[in-house]
Amino acid sequence: MPKGYIIGHITVTDPDAYQEYVRRDTPILEGLGGRFIVRGGRSECPEGETEDRHVVIEFPTYEAALAAYNDPEYQEVAEIRRSTAESVIIVVEGTE
């Protein structure tokens, strides 16, 4: 069964306040089966436009990734991200 992923493209507008989001989202998403495989780090965008920061969280299935994104506890914490960053969040199914 293919794995599922939450992919975030993020430009932080309030770095100090954004740290609260990172501190609180990590245990929630990991507790829901997520594994952070990309979280910031160096990147280049050779084509098109994107945000400054990229995050990829792997889940056992697409359904698990979608459920994690929609989890009420995560959505409460996501409000911090929404107020401290510009972001595009994608839930996607992997190939295997």
N, C-alpha and C. Protein backbone atom coordinates (compact mmCIF):
# COMPACT_ATOMS: atom_id res chain seq x y z
N MET A 1 0.84 -1.17 0.00
CA MET A 1 0.00 0.00 0.00
C MET A 1 0.89 1.24 0.00
N PRO A 2 0.60 2.22 -0.85
CA PRO A 2 1.43 3.43 -0.91
C PRO A 2 1.38 4.24 0.38
N LYS A 3 2.49 4.86 0.69
CA LYS A 3 2.55 5.76 1.84
C LYS A 3 1.87 7.07 1.49
N GLY A 4 1.59 7.86 2.50
CA GLY A 4 1.01 9.18 2.31
C GLY A 4 1.95 10.23 2.85
N TYR A 5 1.84 11.43 2.34
CA TYR A 5 2.74 12.52 2.72
C TYR A 5 1.97 13.81 2.91
N ILE A 6 2.37 14.55 3.92
CA ILE A 6 1.96 15.95 4.03
C ILE A 6 3.19 16.76 3.62
N ILE A 7 3.00 17.62 2.63
CA ILE A 7 4.08 18.46 2.13
C ILE A 7 3.71 19.92 2.40
N GLY A 8 4.60 20.63 3.03
CA GLY A 8 4.37 22.04 3.30
C GLY A 8 5.43 22.91 2.66
N HIS A 9 4.98 23.97 2.03
CA HIS A 9 5.88 25.01 1.49
C HIS A 9 5.53 26.27 2.29
N ILE A 10 6.49 26.79 3.02
CA ILE A 10 6.21 27.78 4.06
C ILE A 10 7.20 28.94 3.99
N THR A 11 6.68 30.15 4.14
CA THR A 11 7.51 31.33 4.36
C THR A 11 7.10 31.90 5.72
N VAL A 12 8.00 31.84 6.67
CA VAL A 12 7.72 32.29 8.03
C VAL A 12 7.76 33.81 8.07
N THR A 13 6.71 34.41 8.64
CA THR A 13 6.64 35.87 8.75
C THR A 13 6.89 36.35 10.18
N ASP A 14 6.78 35.47 11.16
CA ASP A 14 7.04 35.80 12.56
C ASP A 14 7.83 34.64 13.17
N PRO A 15 9.17 34.64 13.01
CA PRO A 15 9.99 33.50 13.42
C PRO A 15 9.86 33.13 14.89
N ASP A 16 9.77 34.09 15.77
CA ASP A 16 9.67 33.77 17.20
C ASP A 16 8.37 33.03 17.51
N ALA A 17 7.27 33.53 17.02
CA ALA A 17 5.97 32.90 17.27
C ALA A 17 5.85 31.56 16.53
N TYR A 18 6.48 31.44 15.37
CA TYR A 18 6.42 30.19 14.60
C TYR A 18 7.05 29.03 15.37
N GLN A 19 8.02 29.31 16.21
CA GLN A 19 8.67 28.25 16.99
C GLN A 19 7.67 27.53 17.89
N GLU A 20 6.66 28.23 18.35
CA GLU A 20 5.61 27.59 19.15
C GLU A 20 4.86 26.55 18.32
N TYR A 21 4.61 26.85 17.07
CA TYR A 21 3.97 25.89 16.16
C TYR A 21 4.84 24.65 16.02
N VAL A 22 6.11 24.83 15.74
CA VAL A 22 7.03 23.69 15.57
C VAL A 22 7.09 22.85 16.84
N ARG A 23 7.17 23.51 17.98
CA ARG A 23 7.24 22.79 19.25
C ARG A 23 6.00 21.95 19.49
N ARG A 24 4.83 22.47 19.10
CA ARG A 24 3.58 21.77 19.39
C ARG A 24 3.13 20.82 18.30
N ASP A 25 3.45 21.09 17.04
CA ASP A 25 2.97 20.20 15.97
C ASP A 25 3.73 18.89 15.92
N THR A 26 5.01 18.91 16.28
CA THR A 26 5.85 17.72 16.15
C THR A 26 5.30 16.53 16.93
N PRO A 27 5.03 16.64 18.23
CA PRO A 27 4.52 15.46 18.95
C PRO A 27 3.15 15.02 18.47
N ILE A 28 2.32 15.95 18.02
CA ILE A 28 1.00 15.56 17.52
C ILE A 28 1.14 14.71 16.27
N LEU A 29 1.88 15.22 15.28
CA LEU A 29 1.99 14.51 14.01
C LEU A 29 2.77 13.21 14.16
N GLU A 30 3.80 13.20 14.98
CA GLU A 30 4.52 11.95 15.22
C GLU A 30 3.62 10.94 15.94
N GLY A 31 2.79 11.40 16.85
CA GLY A 31 1.86 10.52 17.55
C GLY A 31 0.79 9.95 16.64
N LEU A 32 0.55 10.60 15.52
CA LEU A 32 -0.42 10.12 14.54
C LEU A 32 0.24 9.29 13.45
N GLY A 33 1.50 8.90 13.67
CA GLY A 33 2.19 8.03 12.72
C GLY A 33 3.10 8.73 11.74
N GLY A 34 3.28 10.04 11.87
CA GLY A 34 4.12 10.79 10.94
C GLY A 34 5.59 10.69 11.27
N ARG A 35 6.39 10.81 10.22
CA ARG A 35 7.85 10.83 10.36
C ARG A 35 8.35 11.97 9.49
N PHE A 36 9.00 12.97 10.12
CA PHE A 36 9.52 14.11 9.36
C PHE A 36 10.73 13.64 8.57
N ILE A 37 10.65 13.76 7.24
CA ILE A 37 11.79 13.36 6.41
C ILE A 37 12.46 14.57 5.75
N VAL A 38 11.75 15.69 5.69
CA VAL A 38 12.34 16.97 5.26
C VAL A 38 11.76 18.01 6.20
N ARG A 39 12.64 18.84 6.76
CA ARG A 39 12.15 19.91 7.64
C ARG A 39 13.12 21.07 7.56
N GLY A 40 12.84 21.97 6.63
CA GLY A 40 13.75 23.09 6.42
C GLY A 40 14.97 22.63 5.66
N GLY A 41 16.10 23.14 6.00
CA GLY A 41 17.33 22.77 5.30
C GLY A 41 17.49 23.53 4.00
N ARG A 42 18.60 23.29 3.36
CA ARG A 42 18.91 23.99 2.11
C ARG A 42 17.96 23.53 1.01
N SER A 43 17.63 24.46 0.12
CA SER A 43 16.81 24.12 -1.05
C SER A 43 17.05 25.15 -2.14
N GLU A 44 16.73 24.75 -3.34
CA GLU A 44 16.76 25.63 -4.50
C GLU A 44 15.49 25.38 -5.29
N CYS A 45 15.03 26.37 -5.99
CA CYS A 45 13.85 26.25 -6.83
C CYS A 45 14.27 26.60 -8.26
N PRO A 46 14.76 25.60 -9.03
CA PRO A 46 15.25 25.89 -10.37
C PRO A 46 14.17 26.26 -11.38
N GLU A 47 12.90 25.98 -11.04
CA GLU A 47 11.80 26.35 -11.94
C GLU A 47 10.60 26.80 -11.12
N GLY A 48 9.93 27.84 -11.55
CA GLY A 48 8.72 28.30 -10.88
C GLY A 48 9.00 29.10 -9.63
N GLU A 49 7.96 29.24 -8.81
CA GLU A 49 8.05 30.00 -7.57
C GLU A 49 7.57 29.14 -6.42
N THR A 50 8.14 29.35 -5.24
CA THR A 50 7.74 28.60 -4.07
C THR A 50 7.99 29.42 -2.82
N GLU A 51 7.68 28.86 -1.69
CA GLU A 51 7.93 29.51 -0.41
C GLU A 51 9.38 29.21 0.01
N ASP A 52 9.81 29.73 1.16
CA ASP A 52 11.21 29.64 1.60
C ASP A 52 11.57 28.31 2.27
N ARG A 53 10.62 27.68 2.92
CA ARG A 53 10.90 26.51 3.76
C ARG A 53 10.04 25.35 3.28
N HIS A 54 10.57 24.13 3.36
CA HIS A 54 9.85 22.96 2.87
C HIS A 54 9.87 21.87 3.93
N VAL A 55 8.72 21.20 4.08
CA VAL A 55 8.56 20.15 5.06
C VAL A 55 7.87 18.98 4.38
N VAL A 56 8.38 17.76 4.60
CA VAL A 56 7.73 16.55 4.12
C VAL A 56 7.60 15.60 5.30
N ILE A 57 6.35 15.18 5.56
CA ILE A 57 6.07 14.25 6.65
C ILE A 57 5.47 13.00 6.05
N GLU A 58 6.10 11.87 6.33
CA GLU A 58 5.67 10.58 5.78
C GLU A 58 4.72 9.88 6.75
N PHE A 59 3.67 9.26 6.20
CA PHE A 59 2.71 8.49 6.97
C PHE A 59 2.57 7.11 6.34
N PRO A 60 2.07 6.13 7.09
CA PRO A 60 1.95 4.77 6.55
C PRO A 60 1.06 4.68 5.31
N THR A 61 0.03 5.54 5.23
CA THR A 61 -0.90 5.53 4.10
C THR A 61 -1.36 6.96 3.79
N TYR A 62 -1.96 7.12 2.62
CA TYR A 62 -2.56 8.41 2.26
C TYR A 62 -3.66 8.77 3.26
N GLU A 63 -4.48 7.78 3.60
CA GLU A 63 -5.58 8.01 4.54
C GLU A 63 -5.06 8.49 5.90
N ALA A 64 -3.94 7.91 6.35
CA ALA A 64 -3.35 8.33 7.63
C ALA A 64 -2.85 9.77 7.55
N ALA A 65 -2.26 10.15 6.42
CA ALA A 65 -1.78 11.53 6.24
C ALA A 65 -2.95 12.50 6.25
N LEU A 66 -4.02 12.17 5.54
CA LEU A 66 -5.18 13.03 5.48
C LEU A 66 -5.85 13.14 6.86
N ALA A 67 -5.94 12.03 7.56
CA ALA A 67 -6.52 12.04 8.91
C ALA A 67 -5.67 12.89 9.86
N ALA A 68 -4.36 12.81 9.74
CA ALA A 68 -3.47 13.61 10.59
C ALA A 68 -3.68 15.09 10.32
N TYR A 69 -3.75 15.47 9.04
CA TYR A 69 -3.97 16.88 8.72
C TYR A 69 -5.30 17.37 9.29
N ASN A 70 -6.32 16.54 9.22
CA ASN A 70 -7.66 16.92 9.68
C ASN A 70 -7.88 16.72 11.17
N ASP A 71 -6.91 16.15 11.86
CA ASP A 71 -7.03 15.90 13.29
C ASP A 71 -7.34 17.21 14.03
N PRO A 72 -8.36 17.23 14.89
CA PRO A 72 -8.73 18.47 15.58
C PRO A 72 -7.60 19.07 16.41
N GLU A 73 -6.80 18.24 17.08
CA GLU A 73 -5.70 18.77 17.88
C GLU A 73 -4.66 19.44 16.98
N TYR A 74 -4.35 18.79 15.82
CA TYR A 74 -3.41 19.42 14.88
C TYR A 74 -4.00 20.71 14.32
N GLN A 75 -5.27 20.70 13.95
CA GLN A 75 -5.88 21.90 13.36
C GLN A 75 -5.85 23.08 14.33
N GLU A 76 -5.98 22.79 15.61
CA GLU A 76 -5.87 23.86 16.61
C GLU A 76 -4.48 24.49 16.58
N VAL A 77 -3.44 23.65 16.52
CA VAL A 77 -2.07 24.14 16.47
C VAL A 77 -1.77 24.79 15.11
N ALA A 78 -2.38 24.29 14.05
CA ALA A 78 -2.16 24.85 12.71
C ALA A 78 -2.55 26.31 12.63
N GLU A 79 -3.45 26.75 13.50
CA GLU A 79 -3.82 28.17 13.53
C GLU A 79 -2.60 29.04 13.85
N ILE A 80 -1.67 28.52 14.63
CA ILE A 80 -0.43 29.27 14.92
C ILE A 80 0.35 29.46 13.62
N ARG A 81 0.47 28.38 12.83
CA ARG A 81 1.19 28.49 11.55
C ARG A 81 0.49 29.49 10.64
N ARG A 82 -0.81 29.41 10.58
CA ARG A 82 -1.56 30.30 9.69
C ARG A 82 -1.38 31.77 10.05
N SER A 83 -1.13 32.05 11.33
CA SER A 83 -0.96 33.45 11.74
C SER A 83 0.50 33.90 11.75
N THR A 84 1.44 32.97 11.56
CA THR A 84 2.86 33.33 11.63
C THR A 84 3.63 33.02 10.35
N ALA A 85 2.91 32.54 9.32
CA ALA A 85 3.59 32.15 8.08
C ALA A 85 2.59 32.13 6.92
N GLU A 86 3.13 32.27 5.73
CA GLU A 86 2.38 32.00 4.50
C GLU A 86 2.69 30.56 4.14
N SER A 87 1.67 29.77 3.82
CA SER A 87 1.97 28.36 3.56
C SER A 87 1.02 27.75 2.55
N VAL A 88 1.54 26.74 1.87
CA VAL A 88 0.77 25.85 1.02
C VAL A 88 0.99 24.46 1.58
N ILE A 89 -0.10 23.76 1.89
CA ILE A 89 -0.02 22.42 2.45
C ILE A 89 -0.70 21.47 1.47
N ILE A 90 -0.01 20.36 1.17
CA ILE A 90 -0.51 19.37 0.22
C ILE A 90 -0.49 18.02 0.89
N VAL A 91 -1.55 17.24 0.73
CA VAL A 91 -1.56 15.85 1.17
C VAL A 91 -1.54 15.01 -0.11
N VAL A 92 -0.56 14.09 -0.22
CA VAL A 92 -0.35 13.36 -1.45
C VAL A 92 -0.07 11.89 -1.18
N GLU A 93 -0.48 11.04 -2.11
CA GLU A 93 -0.18 9.61 -2.03
C GLU A 93 1.14 9.32 -2.72
N GLY A 94 1.96 8.48 -2.10
CA GLY A 94 3.22 8.08 -2.70
C GLY A 94 3.06 7.04 -3.78
N THR A 95 4.15 6.60 -4.35
CA THR A 95 4.10 5.63 -5.44
C THR A 95 4.12 4.19 -4.95
N GLU A 96 4.63 3.96 -3.76
CA GLU A 96 4.69 2.59 -3.23
C GLU A 96 4.29 2.57 -1.78
